[in-house]
Amino acid sequence: MDRKDFTEEIAKFLPQRLRSYFKLLKDEELDKLQEIRLRVNRPLNLILGDRDLFLGKDGLHTDPFRGEIIKRDDLGQAILFLSNHSIYALKEELRQGFITIPGGHRVGFVGSGIIKAGKIDQIKDFSGINFRITREIKGCANPVIPQLIKASGDIHHTMIVSPPRCGKTTLLRDIIRQLSNGWSGFSGLKVGVVDERSELAGSFQGIPHHDLGVRTDVLDHCPKSTGMYLLIRSMSPQVIATDEIGSAEDVAAIQEAVRAGIRLIVTVHGSNLRELMDRPILKELLTSKIFTRYVLLSNRNGAGTIEGVYDQDLTKIFKVGPAVKERFRYG
């Protein structure tokens, strides 16, 4: 993220007294910024790539005691800016624990949950905010794209497996863009995206911020299973893509899409493929061998390290070399 984007998309939502601190960051540090964490009575915490740092009056430090302490008033001011001075307007979004701001960045909240009918109705007494900075890395899917295309030109049902903060959403975003746009020798496909958390497209007021390609239709802020059914019925997609599957309803919708002849590109949280077999809902997908390609990510060489591509038998068919890992990892 460059300084102009930071000023226009992030800084205006930060507490006023803290904005000057961010002017101390160098351009290369801003470019690596992934998270800004504000915790009441705790130091201002930044994640830059794989570095966990603290920001104070004299810059960045590894020592938390040199970071600026966040006050409750700071948090209250940030919430007013994020809600445009009307916290009630955010009530529906806060039930999920986060909102999406212009630029597609995600802001998470913690505090005291108010439970109704067994579900969180709202959050009050906020104690922490996390700004998660989203970014596009066009070309990061280049190493794996050839492995997702069959000799016939058809697409493999593909599952991206990754621990948190290892680049799965960034990779999925670029796969969608490339399949949608096409390239020499490959005609672009109609791609339907169910973006439940507004992270893939970074939509704001329904308009995607990120480039997902010229043939992509985005259903924003909609539950994955419901969204997949809607796309099947109304948009005739050739490919459906969605992030972080895991429920029985998701699996049922995936099976319906497969029966309709639609290709699937999805992501799931996991550290390895065998781990997925310990989760009954995902085990059903693996044992049925619906997915014929699995892309495994890690942060072994930095977030976004592509460990390999596997087939339906969980046999590695493609290993990304160190040079490619270094080139396409981010953070």
Protein backbone atom coordinates (compact mmCIF):
# COMPACT_ATOMS: atom_id res chain seq x y z
CA MET A 1 0.00 0.00 0.00
CA ASP A 2 1.47 3.35 -0.99
CA ARG A 3 1.20 6.50 1.13
CA LYS A 4 -1.57 8.03 -0.98
CA ASP A 5 -3.79 4.94 -0.65
CA PHE A 6 -3.07 4.74 3.08
CA THR A 7 -4.10 8.35 3.57
CA GLU A 8 -7.29 8.00 1.51
CA GLU A 9 -8.41 4.54 2.65
CA ILE A 10 -7.10 3.96 6.18
CA ALA A 11 -5.81 7.07 7.96
CA LYS A 12 -9.15 8.87 7.99
CA PHE A 13 -10.61 6.10 10.17
CA LEU A 14 -7.79 6.17 12.74
CA PRO A 15 -7.94 8.22 15.96
CA GLN A 16 -6.72 11.71 15.16
CA ARG A 17 -3.93 11.77 17.72
CA LEU A 18 -2.38 8.60 16.26
CA ARG A 19 -2.32 9.65 12.61
CA SER A 20 0.97 11.52 12.95
CA TYR A 21 2.65 8.34 14.21
CA PHE A 22 2.03 6.65 10.88
CA LYS A 23 3.85 9.46 9.09
CA LEU A 24 7.01 8.04 10.69
CA LEU A 25 6.69 4.86 8.63
CA LYS A 26 8.90 4.55 5.57
CA ASP A 27 7.33 3.83 2.19
CA GLU A 28 8.69 0.27 2.19
CA GLU A 29 7.18 -0.28 5.64
CA LEU A 30 3.77 0.97 4.55
CA ASP A 31 3.99 -1.35 1.56
CA LYS A 32 4.33 -4.35 3.90
CA LEU A 33 1.62 -3.25 6.33
CA GLN A 34 -0.91 -6.05 6.87
CA GLU A 35 -2.62 -5.25 10.18
CA ILE A 36 -3.16 -2.33 12.56
CA ARG A 37 -4.35 -3.48 15.98
CA LEU A 38 -5.80 -1.05 18.51
CA ARG A 39 -6.32 -2.63 21.95
CA VAL A 40 -7.44 -0.56 24.94
CA ASN A 41 -4.61 -0.15 27.48
CA ARG A 42 -2.21 -1.99 25.18
CA PRO A 43 0.50 -0.71 22.79
CA LEU A 44 -0.26 0.15 19.16
CA ASN A 45 0.52 -3.09 17.31
CA LEU A 46 1.40 -3.40 13.60
CA ILE A 47 1.99 -6.49 11.46
CA LEU A 48 4.45 -5.82 8.63
CA GLY A 49 4.90 -8.95 6.56
CA ASP A 50 6.07 -11.57 9.06
CA ARG A 51 7.20 -8.95 11.61
CA ASP A 52 5.17 -8.19 14.75
CA LEU A 53 6.01 -4.61 15.77
CA PHE A 54 4.86 -1.72 17.95
CA LEU A 55 4.55 1.93 16.90
CA GLY A 56 5.47 4.77 19.22
CA LYS A 57 6.38 8.45 19.05
CA ASP A 58 9.84 7.61 17.73
CA GLY A 59 8.87 4.91 15.24
CA LEU A 60 8.69 1.12 15.12
CA HIS A 61 9.99 -1.17 17.85
CA THR A 62 10.08 -4.85 18.70
CA ASP A 63 9.75 -3.90 22.38
CA PRO A 64 6.03 -3.54 23.21
CA PHE A 65 6.81 -1.13 26.05
CA ARG A 66 7.94 1.45 23.48
CA GLY A 67 4.62 1.39 21.63
CA GLU A 68 1.98 4.09 22.17
CA ILE A 69 -0.70 2.96 24.62
CA ILE A 70 -4.22 2.97 23.19
CA LYS A 71 -6.87 4.74 25.27
CA ARG A 72 -10.58 3.94 25.35
CA ASP A 73 -11.26 7.36 23.83
CA ASP A 74 -9.03 6.42 20.88
CA LEU A 75 -11.16 3.37 20.20
CA GLY A 76 -14.36 5.35 20.57
CA GLN A 77 -13.17 7.93 18.07
CA ALA A 78 -12.18 5.28 15.53
CA ILE A 79 -15.61 3.65 15.85
CA LEU A 80 -17.32 7.00 15.27
CA PHE A 81 -15.27 7.54 12.11
CA LEU A 82 -15.95 4.00 10.88
CA SER A 83 -19.69 4.32 11.50
CA ASN A 84 -19.93 7.86 10.16
CA HIS A 85 -21.04 8.89 13.67
CA SER A 86 -23.92 6.38 13.72
CA ILE A 87 -23.00 3.10 15.38
CA TYR A 88 -26.61 1.93 14.87
CA ALA A 89 -26.00 1.96 11.11
CA LEU A 90 -23.37 -0.76 11.60
CA LYS A 91 -25.47 -3.00 13.83
CA GLU A 92 -26.15 -5.63 11.17
CA GLU A 93 -22.51 -5.85 10.08
CA LEU A 94 -21.23 -5.91 13.65
CA ARG A 95 -23.16 -9.13 14.25
CA GLN A 96 -20.45 -10.72 12.12
CA GLY A 97 -17.72 -8.95 14.08
CA PHE A 98 -16.34 -6.93 11.18
CA ILE A 99 -17.11 -4.34 8.52
CA THR A 100 -15.59 -3.62 5.11
CA ILE A 101 -14.40 -0.10 4.30
CA PRO A 102 -13.62 1.54 0.92
CA GLY A 103 -10.65 -0.17 -0.67
CA GLY A 104 -11.91 -3.57 0.46
CA HIS A 105 -10.09 -3.47 3.80
CA ARG A 106 -11.66 -5.44 6.64
CA VAL A 107 -12.04 -4.02 10.14
CA GLY A 108 -12.68 -6.49 12.96
CA PHE A 109 -14.07 -5.70 16.41
CA VAL A 110 -13.96 -7.37 19.82
CA GLY A 111 -15.71 -6.46 23.04
CA SER A 112 -18.75 -7.69 24.96
CA GLY A 113 -21.15 -9.75 22.89
CA ILE A 114 -24.90 -9.51 23.47
CA ILE A 115 -26.49 -12.89 22.77
CA LYS A 116 -30.06 -13.39 21.55
CA ALA A 117 -31.48 -16.78 20.54
CA GLY A 118 -28.03 -18.30 20.84
CA LYS A 119 -26.43 -15.85 18.39
CA ILE A 120 -24.53 -12.58 18.72
CA ASP A 121 -27.03 -9.76 18.31
CA GLN A 122 -24.49 -6.97 18.71
CA ILE A 123 -21.14 -6.05 20.22
CA LYS A 124 -20.80 -3.34 22.88
CA ASP A 125 -18.04 -2.08 25.17
CA PHE A 126 -15.46 -2.38 22.41
CA SER A 127 -11.98 -3.34 23.59
CA GLY A 128 -10.14 -3.83 20.31
CA ILE A 129 -10.12 -3.06 16.59
CA ASN A 130 -8.09 -4.75 13.87
CA PHE A 131 -7.60 -3.11 10.46
CA ARG A 132 -6.68 -5.87 7.99
CA ILE A 133 -5.09 -4.37 4.89
CA THR A 134 -6.07 -6.07 1.66
CA ARG A 135 -3.92 -6.05 -1.45
CA GLU A 136 -3.88 -7.34 -4.99
CA ILE A 137 -0.84 -9.19 -6.29
CA LYS A 138 -1.47 -9.71 -9.97
CA GLY A 139 0.48 -12.66 -11.30
CA CYS A 140 0.82 -14.50 -7.99
CA ALA A 141 -1.22 -17.37 -9.46
CA ASN A 142 1.11 -17.80 -12.45
CA PRO A 143 2.95 -20.85 -11.02
CA VAL A 144 -0.24 -22.83 -10.36
CA ILE A 145 -2.61 -21.79 -13.16
CA PRO A 146 -1.20 -24.34 -15.68
CA GLN A 147 -1.85 -27.11 -13.14
CA LEU A 148 -5.53 -26.18 -12.89
CA ILE A 149 -6.26 -26.51 -16.61
CA LYS A 150 -6.97 -29.92 -18.16
CA ALA A 151 -5.52 -30.90 -21.53
CA SER A 152 -9.05 -30.46 -22.93
CA GLY A 153 -9.07 -26.85 -21.76
CA ASP A 154 -11.56 -27.61 -18.99
CA ILE A 155 -10.95 -26.50 -15.39
CA HIS A 156 -10.17 -28.78 -12.45
CA HIS A 157 -12.34 -28.44 -9.37
CA THR A 158 -9.75 -26.79 -7.12
CA MET A 159 -9.40 -26.35 -3.36
CA ILE A 160 -6.79 -23.98 -1.89
CA VAL A 161 -5.70 -25.13 1.58
CA SER A 162 -3.94 -22.63 3.81
CA PRO A 163 -3.46 -21.58 7.45
CA PRO A 164 -4.64 -18.05 8.31
CA ARG A 165 -2.58 -15.16 6.89
CA CYS A 166 -0.80 -17.30 4.31
CA GLY A 167 -2.23 -15.75 1.15
CA LYS A 168 -5.15 -17.97 0.17
CA THR A 169 -7.52 -15.08 -0.55
CA THR A 170 -4.85 -13.24 -2.53
CA LEU A 171 -4.14 -16.36 -4.60
CA LEU A 172 -7.83 -17.09 -5.18
CA ARG A 173 -8.40 -13.50 -6.28
CA ASP A 174 -5.71 -13.77 -8.97
CA ILE A 175 -6.95 -17.18 -10.15
CA ILE A 176 -10.42 -15.68 -10.60
CA ARG A 177 -9.02 -12.71 -12.51
CA GLN A 178 -6.96 -14.85 -14.87
CA LEU A 179 -9.73 -17.38 -15.59
CA SER A 180 -12.16 -14.52 -16.21
CA ASN A 181 -9.91 -12.51 -18.52
CA GLY A 182 -8.37 -15.46 -20.32
CA TRP A 183 -5.05 -15.38 -22.15
CA SER A 184 -3.59 -16.34 -25.50
CA GLY A 185 -4.91 -19.81 -26.26
CA PHE A 186 -7.48 -19.75 -23.44
CA SER A 187 -10.82 -17.99 -23.77
CA GLY A 188 -12.03 -16.32 -20.61
CA LEU A 189 -14.82 -17.94 -18.58
CA LYS A 190 -17.91 -16.60 -16.84
CA VAL A 191 -17.01 -16.66 -13.15
CA GLY A 192 -19.52 -16.23 -10.33
CA VAL A 193 -18.09 -15.15 -6.98
CA VAL A 194 -19.86 -15.49 -3.64
CA ASP A 195 -18.06 -12.98 -1.43
CA GLU A 196 -19.65 -13.47 1.98
CA ARG A 197 -17.09 -11.34 3.84
CA SER A 198 -16.48 -8.78 1.07
CA GLU A 199 -12.81 -9.77 0.97
CA LEU A 200 -12.37 -11.20 -2.52
CA ALA A 201 -13.84 -8.29 -4.46
CA GLY A 202 -13.51 -5.71 -1.70
CA SER A 203 -16.94 -4.39 -2.65
CA PHE A 204 -18.19 -1.14 -1.21
CA GLN A 205 -21.85 -0.30 -1.77
CA GLY A 206 -21.99 -3.26 -4.16
CA ILE A 207 -19.16 -2.15 -6.46
CA PRO A 208 -16.02 -4.36 -6.51
CA HIS A 209 -12.79 -2.56 -5.68
CA HIS A 210 -10.45 -5.36 -6.74
CA ASP A 211 -9.94 -6.53 -10.31
CA LEU A 212 -11.60 -9.94 -10.61
CA GLY A 213 -11.72 -9.93 -14.39
CA VAL A 214 -14.05 -8.79 -17.14
CA ARG A 215 -16.38 -11.82 -17.06
CA THR A 216 -16.87 -12.00 -13.29
CA ASP A 217 -20.15 -11.45 -11.42
CA VAL A 218 -19.94 -10.83 -7.68
CA LEU A 219 -22.62 -11.61 -5.11
CA ASP A 220 -21.46 -9.59 -2.14
CA HIS A 221 -22.21 -10.05 1.56
CA CYS A 222 -24.24 -13.21 0.97
CA PRO A 223 -23.92 -16.59 2.75
CA LYS A 224 -21.86 -18.95 0.62
CA SER A 225 -24.40 -21.74 0.25
CA THR A 226 -27.28 -19.37 -0.54
CA GLY A 227 -25.11 -17.41 -2.94
CA MET A 228 -24.01 -20.49 -4.88
CA TYR A 229 -27.64 -21.52 -5.43
CA LEU A 230 -28.53 -18.00 -6.57
CA LEU A 231 -25.66 -17.87 -9.05
CA ILE A 232 -26.56 -21.29 -10.48
CA ARG A 233 -30.14 -20.19 -11.07
CA SER A 234 -29.60 -16.67 -12.31
CA MET A 235 -26.13 -16.05 -13.78
CA SER A 236 -25.20 -19.24 -15.70
CA PRO A 237 -21.59 -19.26 -14.46
CA GLN A 238 -19.02 -21.65 -15.84
CA VAL A 239 -16.97 -21.35 -12.66
CA ILE A 240 -18.04 -20.52 -9.09
CA ALA A 241 -15.44 -19.26 -6.63
CA THR A 242 -15.81 -18.66 -2.91
CA ASP A 243 -13.63 -18.29 0.17
CA GLU A 244 -13.44 -20.34 3.38
CA ILE A 245 -15.95 -23.16 2.97
CA GLY A 246 -16.66 -25.42 5.93
CA SER A 247 -20.35 -25.97 6.67
CA ALA A 248 -22.66 -28.81 5.65
CA GLU A 249 -24.69 -26.25 3.69
CA ASP A 250 -21.57 -25.26 1.75
CA VAL A 251 -20.92 -28.90 0.83
CA ALA A 252 -24.51 -29.38 -0.35
CA ALA A 253 -24.28 -26.28 -2.55
CA ILE A 254 -20.94 -27.46 -3.98
CA GLN A 255 -22.49 -30.82 -4.87
CA GLU A 256 -25.40 -29.05 -6.57
CA ALA A 257 -22.99 -26.91 -8.61
CA VAL A 258 -21.07 -30.01 -9.69
CA ARG A 259 -24.30 -31.67 -10.83
CA ALA A 260 -25.01 -28.53 -12.86
CA GLY A 261 -21.67 -28.89 -14.64
CA ILE A 262 -20.10 -25.84 -12.97
CA ARG A 263 -16.45 -25.84 -11.95
CA LEU A 264 -15.51 -24.89 -8.38
CA ILE A 265 -12.55 -22.91 -7.02
CA VAL A 266 -12.71 -22.68 -3.20
CA THR A 267 -10.49 -22.16 -0.18
CA VAL A 268 -10.40 -23.77 3.24
CA HIS A 269 -8.36 -23.26 6.40
CA GLY A 270 -5.86 -26.03 7.09
CA SER A 271 -2.16 -26.65 7.67
CA ASN A 272 -1.99 -29.81 5.56
CA LEU A 273 -4.22 -32.04 3.47
CA ARG A 274 -4.42 -34.94 5.92
CA GLU A 275 -5.75 -32.56 8.56
CA LEU A 276 -8.85 -32.03 6.44
CA MET A 277 -9.69 -35.73 6.76
CA ASP A 278 -10.20 -35.19 10.50
CA ARG A 279 -13.07 -32.79 9.79
CA PRO A 280 -16.17 -34.84 8.87
CA ILE A 281 -17.73 -32.24 6.59
CA LEU A 282 -14.56 -31.74 4.55
CA LYS A 283 -13.73 -35.46 4.63
CA GLU A 284 -16.87 -36.04 2.57
CA LEU A 285 -15.50 -33.79 -0.18
CA LEU A 286 -12.07 -35.43 -0.13
CA THR A 287 -13.29 -39.02 -0.16
CA SER A 288 -15.79 -38.33 -2.95
CA LYS A 289 -12.87 -36.98 -5.01
CA ILE A 290 -14.94 -34.10 -6.36
CA PHE A 291 -11.86 -31.90 -6.17
CA THR A 292 -9.08 -33.00 -8.48
CA ARG A 293 -6.62 -30.27 -7.56
CA TYR A 294 -5.45 -29.08 -4.15
CA VAL A 295 -3.08 -26.13 -3.75
CA LEU A 296 -1.29 -26.07 -0.39
CA LEU A 297 0.06 -22.79 1.00
CA SER A 298 2.22 -22.02 4.02
CA ASN A 299 4.38 -19.23 5.43
CA ARG A 300 7.54 -21.36 5.47
CA ASN A 301 9.35 -18.93 3.17
CA GLY A 302 7.04 -16.05 3.98
CA ALA A 303 3.27 -15.75 3.59
CA GLY A 304 2.11 -17.03 0.22
CA THR A 305 4.63 -19.88 -0.08
CA ILE A 306 3.18 -22.43 -2.50
CA GLU A 307 4.12 -25.83 -1.08
CA GLY A 308 2.72 -27.81 -3.97
CA VAL A 309 -0.24 -28.89 -6.09
CA TYR A 310 -1.90 -32.27 -5.41
CA ASP A 311 -4.36 -34.46 -7.30
CA GLN A 312 -7.56 -36.13 -6.07
CA ASP A 313 -5.53 -38.91 -4.44
CA LEU A 314 -3.56 -36.26 -2.49
CA THR A 315 -0.44 -37.10 -4.48
CA LYS A 316 1.86 -34.17 -5.14
CA ILE A 317 2.02 -33.49 -8.88
CA PHE A 318 3.77 -30.15 -8.87
CA LYS A 319 6.30 -28.58 -6.55
CA VAL A 320 7.14 -24.90 -6.77
CA GLY A 321 10.87 -24.26 -6.70
CA PRO A 322 12.52 -21.86 -4.21
CA ALA A 323 13.05 -19.13 -6.81
CA VAL A 324 9.36 -19.07 -7.67
CA LYS A 325 8.38 -19.14 -4.00
CA GLU A 326 10.54 -16.14 -3.30
CA ARG A 327 9.25 -14.30 -6.33
CA PHE A 328 5.56 -14.72 -5.59
CA ARG A 329 5.38 -14.75 -1.83
CA TYR A 330 4.16 -11.51 -0.29
CA GLY A 331 4.63 -9.69 2.98
